[in-house]
Amino acid sequence: MTRIGLQKLLKDRRIHLPVIVLVTNADVPVAVRASYLGALDFIEKPLIDRVVVARVKEALALAAYFSAIRPSGVSSLGRFS
């Protein structure tokens, strides 16, 4: 399964996880599609450790924030869902 296929499957099943897509600089269409499907961010390869760690921390903090303020029964990350 492709990364976009997995992201679409998660969205179709209403499984809301913070998604960060790894792309090469030639994968602009993948990054655009991932954003459309609700990816929080994308990181271009080659990976820089401190950038990956910072982006993952940001994604987890954002997911925790929306989880805390989300009304019961609503499963969404706002515009990111």
N, C-alpha and C. Protein backbone atom coordinates (compact mmCIF):
# COMPACT_ATOMS: atom_id res chain seq x y z
N MET A 1 0.85 -1.17 0.00
CA MET A 1 0.00 0.00 0.00
C MET A 1 0.90 1.24 0.00
N THR A 2 0.51 2.23 -0.75
CA THR A 2 1.28 3.47 -0.82
C THR A 2 0.98 4.33 0.40
N ARG A 3 1.82 5.34 0.62
CA ARG A 3 1.60 6.25 1.75
C ARG A 3 0.28 7.00 1.58
N ILE A 4 -0.05 7.39 0.35
CA ILE A 4 -1.31 8.09 0.10
C ILE A 4 -2.48 7.13 0.27
N GLY A 5 -2.29 5.88 -0.17
CA GLY A 5 -3.34 4.88 -0.01
C GLY A 5 -3.65 4.63 1.46
N LEU A 6 -2.62 4.55 2.27
CA LEU A 6 -2.81 4.36 3.71
C LEU A 6 -3.51 5.56 4.33
N GLN A 7 -3.09 6.74 3.93
CA GLN A 7 -3.71 7.96 4.47
C GLN A 7 -5.18 8.02 4.08
N LYS A 8 -5.50 7.66 2.84
CA LYS A 8 -6.90 7.66 2.39
C LYS A 8 -7.71 6.62 3.16
N LEU A 9 -7.14 5.44 3.39
CA LEU A 9 -7.82 4.41 4.16
C LEU A 9 -8.13 4.89 5.57
N LEU A 10 -7.17 5.53 6.21
CA LEU A 10 -7.39 6.08 7.56
C LEU A 10 -8.52 7.10 7.54
N LYS A 11 -8.48 7.99 6.56
CA LYS A 11 -9.52 9.03 6.47
C LYS A 11 -10.89 8.41 6.21
N ASP A 12 -10.94 7.45 5.28
CA ASP A 12 -12.22 6.80 4.97
C ASP A 12 -12.82 6.09 6.17
N ARG A 13 -11.95 5.56 7.02
CA ARG A 13 -12.42 4.85 8.22
C ARG A 13 -12.56 5.78 9.42
N ARG A 14 -12.35 7.07 9.17
CA ARG A 14 -12.47 8.10 10.21
C ARG A 14 -11.53 7.84 11.39
N ILE A 15 -10.33 7.38 11.05
CA ILE A 15 -9.28 7.20 12.04
C ILE A 15 -8.37 8.41 11.92
N HIS A 16 -8.42 9.27 12.92
CA HIS A 16 -7.71 10.54 12.85
C HIS A 16 -6.40 10.45 13.63
N LEU A 17 -5.33 10.36 12.87
CA LEU A 17 -3.99 10.34 13.43
C LEU A 17 -3.21 11.49 12.81
N PRO A 18 -2.28 12.07 13.56
CA PRO A 18 -1.45 13.10 12.95
C PRO A 18 -0.50 12.45 11.94
N VAL A 19 -0.63 12.84 10.68
CA VAL A 19 0.17 12.25 9.60
C VAL A 19 1.21 13.25 9.12
N ILE A 20 2.44 12.80 9.08
CA ILE A 20 3.53 13.56 8.48
C ILE A 20 4.07 12.71 7.35
N VAL A 21 4.07 13.25 6.15
CA VAL A 21 4.48 12.51 4.96
C VAL A 21 5.94 12.86 4.62
N LEU A 22 6.72 11.82 4.35
CA LEU A 22 8.10 12.01 3.92
C LEU A 22 8.13 11.99 2.40
N VAL A 23 8.73 13.01 1.80
CA VAL A 23 8.77 13.12 0.34
C VAL A 23 10.17 13.49 -0.13
N THR A 24 10.42 13.18 -1.40
CA THR A 24 11.63 13.69 -2.03
C THR A 24 11.26 15.02 -2.68
N ASN A 25 12.24 15.80 -3.07
CA ASN A 25 11.92 17.11 -3.65
C ASN A 25 11.13 16.98 -4.95
N ALA A 26 11.14 15.81 -5.57
CA ALA A 26 10.41 15.61 -6.81
C ALA A 26 8.97 15.17 -6.57
N ASP A 27 8.60 14.97 -5.31
CA ASP A 27 7.27 14.45 -4.97
C ASP A 27 6.28 15.54 -4.59
N VAL A 28 6.30 16.66 -5.26
CA VAL A 28 5.37 17.74 -4.95
C VAL A 28 3.92 17.28 -5.09
N PRO A 29 3.56 16.53 -6.15
CA PRO A 29 2.17 16.06 -6.24
C PRO A 29 1.75 15.20 -5.05
N VAL A 30 2.67 14.38 -4.52
CA VAL A 30 2.36 13.56 -3.35
C VAL A 30 2.11 14.45 -2.14
N ALA A 31 2.94 15.47 -1.96
CA ALA A 31 2.77 16.39 -0.84
C ALA A 31 1.42 17.12 -0.94
N VAL A 32 1.05 17.54 -2.13
CA VAL A 32 -0.23 18.23 -2.33
C VAL A 32 -1.38 17.29 -2.02
N ARG A 33 -1.31 16.06 -2.52
CA ARG A 33 -2.38 15.09 -2.28
C ARG A 33 -2.48 14.76 -0.78
N ALA A 34 -1.32 14.61 -0.14
CA ALA A 34 -1.30 14.32 1.29
C ALA A 34 -1.94 15.46 2.08
N SER A 35 -1.64 16.68 1.70
CA SER A 35 -2.24 17.84 2.37
C SER A 35 -3.75 17.84 2.18
N TYR A 36 -4.19 17.52 0.97
CA TYR A 36 -5.62 17.46 0.68
C TYR A 36 -6.31 16.41 1.55
N LEU A 37 -5.62 15.29 1.80
CA LEU A 37 -6.19 14.22 2.61
C LEU A 37 -6.05 14.47 4.11
N GLY A 38 -5.40 15.58 4.49
CA GLY A 38 -5.35 15.95 5.89
C GLY A 38 -4.02 15.81 6.59
N ALA A 39 -2.95 15.58 5.84
CA ALA A 39 -1.63 15.48 6.48
C ALA A 39 -1.32 16.78 7.21
N LEU A 40 -0.75 16.65 8.38
CA LEU A 40 -0.38 17.83 9.15
C LEU A 40 0.82 18.52 8.54
N ASP A 41 1.70 17.73 7.97
CA ASP A 41 2.96 18.30 7.48
C ASP A 41 3.59 17.32 6.51
N PHE A 42 4.61 17.78 5.82
CA PHE A 42 5.45 16.88 5.05
C PHE A 42 6.89 17.32 5.24
N ILE A 43 7.78 16.34 5.18
CA ILE A 43 9.20 16.60 5.36
C ILE A 43 9.92 16.07 4.13
N GLU A 44 10.77 16.92 3.57
CA GLU A 44 11.54 16.51 2.40
C GLU A 44 12.78 15.73 2.81
N LYS A 45 13.09 14.72 2.02
CA LYS A 45 14.34 13.97 2.19
C LYS A 45 15.44 14.76 1.51
N PRO A 46 16.66 14.70 1.95
CA PRO A 46 17.17 13.90 3.06
C PRO A 46 16.71 14.47 4.39
N LEU A 47 16.49 13.56 5.33
CA LEU A 47 15.97 13.94 6.63
C LEU A 47 17.05 14.55 7.52
N ILE A 48 16.65 15.54 8.27
CA ILE A 48 17.52 16.16 9.27
C ILE A 48 16.90 15.82 10.62
N ASP A 49 17.65 15.11 11.45
CA ASP A 49 17.12 14.58 12.72
C ASP A 49 16.35 15.61 13.52
N ARG A 50 16.94 16.78 13.73
CA ARG A 50 16.29 17.77 14.60
C ARG A 50 14.98 18.27 13.99
N VAL A 51 14.90 18.31 12.66
CA VAL A 51 13.66 18.74 11.99
C VAL A 51 12.58 17.69 12.18
N VAL A 52 12.94 16.42 12.01
CA VAL A 52 11.97 15.34 12.18
C VAL A 52 11.44 15.33 13.62
N VAL A 53 12.34 15.41 14.58
CA VAL A 53 11.93 15.40 15.99
C VAL A 53 11.02 16.58 16.29
N ALA A 54 11.36 17.76 15.81
CA ALA A 54 10.54 18.96 16.06
C ALA A 54 9.15 18.81 15.44
N ARG A 55 9.09 18.32 14.21
CA ARG A 55 7.79 18.18 13.54
C ARG A 55 6.92 17.12 14.22
N VAL A 56 7.52 16.02 14.66
CA VAL A 56 6.76 14.99 15.35
C VAL A 56 6.23 15.53 16.68
N LYS A 57 7.05 16.27 17.42
CA LYS A 57 6.60 16.87 18.67
C LYS A 57 5.44 17.83 18.42
N GLU A 58 5.54 18.64 17.38
CA GLU A 58 4.46 19.57 17.04
C GLU A 58 3.18 18.83 16.69
N ALA A 59 3.30 17.76 15.91
CA ALA A 59 2.12 16.98 15.51
C ALA A 59 1.46 16.34 16.72
N LEU A 60 2.25 15.78 17.62
CA LEU A 60 1.69 15.15 18.82
C LEU A 60 1.03 16.18 19.73
N ALA A 61 1.65 17.35 19.86
CA ALA A 61 1.06 18.41 20.68
C ALA A 61 -0.26 18.88 20.09
N LEU A 62 -0.30 19.04 18.78
CA LEU A 62 -1.52 19.48 18.12
C LEU A 62 -2.62 18.43 18.27
N ALA A 63 -2.27 17.16 18.10
CA ALA A 63 -3.26 16.09 18.26
C ALA A 63 -3.77 16.05 19.69
N ALA A 64 -2.89 16.21 20.66
CA ALA A 64 -3.31 16.21 22.07
C ALA A 64 -4.23 17.40 22.36
N TYR A 65 -3.91 18.56 21.82
CA TYR A 65 -4.73 19.75 22.01
C TYR A 65 -6.13 19.54 21.47
N PHE A 66 -6.23 19.08 20.22
CA PHE A 66 -7.55 18.89 19.63
C PHE A 66 -8.31 17.76 20.30
N SER A 67 -7.60 16.75 20.78
CA SER A 67 -8.25 15.67 21.52
C SER A 67 -8.85 16.19 22.82
N ALA A 68 -8.15 17.11 23.48
CA ALA A 68 -8.61 17.66 24.76
C ALA A 68 -9.81 18.59 24.59
N ILE A 69 -9.86 19.34 23.49
CA ILE A 69 -10.95 20.32 23.33
C ILE A 69 -12.11 19.79 22.51
N ARG A 70 -11.94 18.65 21.88
CA ARG A 70 -12.96 18.10 21.01
C ARG A 70 -14.17 17.66 21.84
N PRO A 71 -15.36 18.07 21.43
CA PRO A 71 -16.57 17.60 22.12
C PRO A 71 -16.68 16.08 21.99
N SER A 72 -17.29 15.46 22.95
CA SER A 72 -17.47 14.02 22.93
C SER A 72 -18.22 13.59 21.66
N GLY A 73 -17.73 12.55 21.02
CA GLY A 73 -18.38 12.03 19.82
C GLY A 73 -17.89 12.66 18.54
N VAL A 74 -17.10 13.71 18.62
CA VAL A 74 -16.57 14.34 17.42
C VAL A 74 -15.14 13.86 17.23
N SER A 75 -14.84 13.36 16.04
CA SER A 75 -13.53 12.81 15.77
C SER A 75 -12.87 13.58 14.65
N SER A 76 -12.27 14.71 14.99
CA SER A 76 -11.71 15.57 13.95
C SER A 76 -10.56 16.40 14.48
N LEU A 77 -9.63 16.71 13.59
CA LEU A 77 -8.56 17.63 13.91
C LEU A 77 -8.80 18.97 13.20
N GLY A 78 -10.03 19.43 13.25
CA GLY A 78 -10.34 20.70 12.62
C GLY A 78 -10.11 20.65 11.11
N ARG A 79 -9.39 21.60 10.60
CA ARG A 79 -9.16 21.65 9.15
C ARG A 79 -8.26 20.52 8.69
N PHE A 80 -7.60 19.82 9.63
CA PHE A 80 -6.67 18.77 9.27
C PHE A 80 -7.35 17.43 9.08
N SER A 81 -8.65 17.35 9.30
CA SER A 81 -9.32 16.05 9.18
C SER A 81 -9.75 15.79 7.75
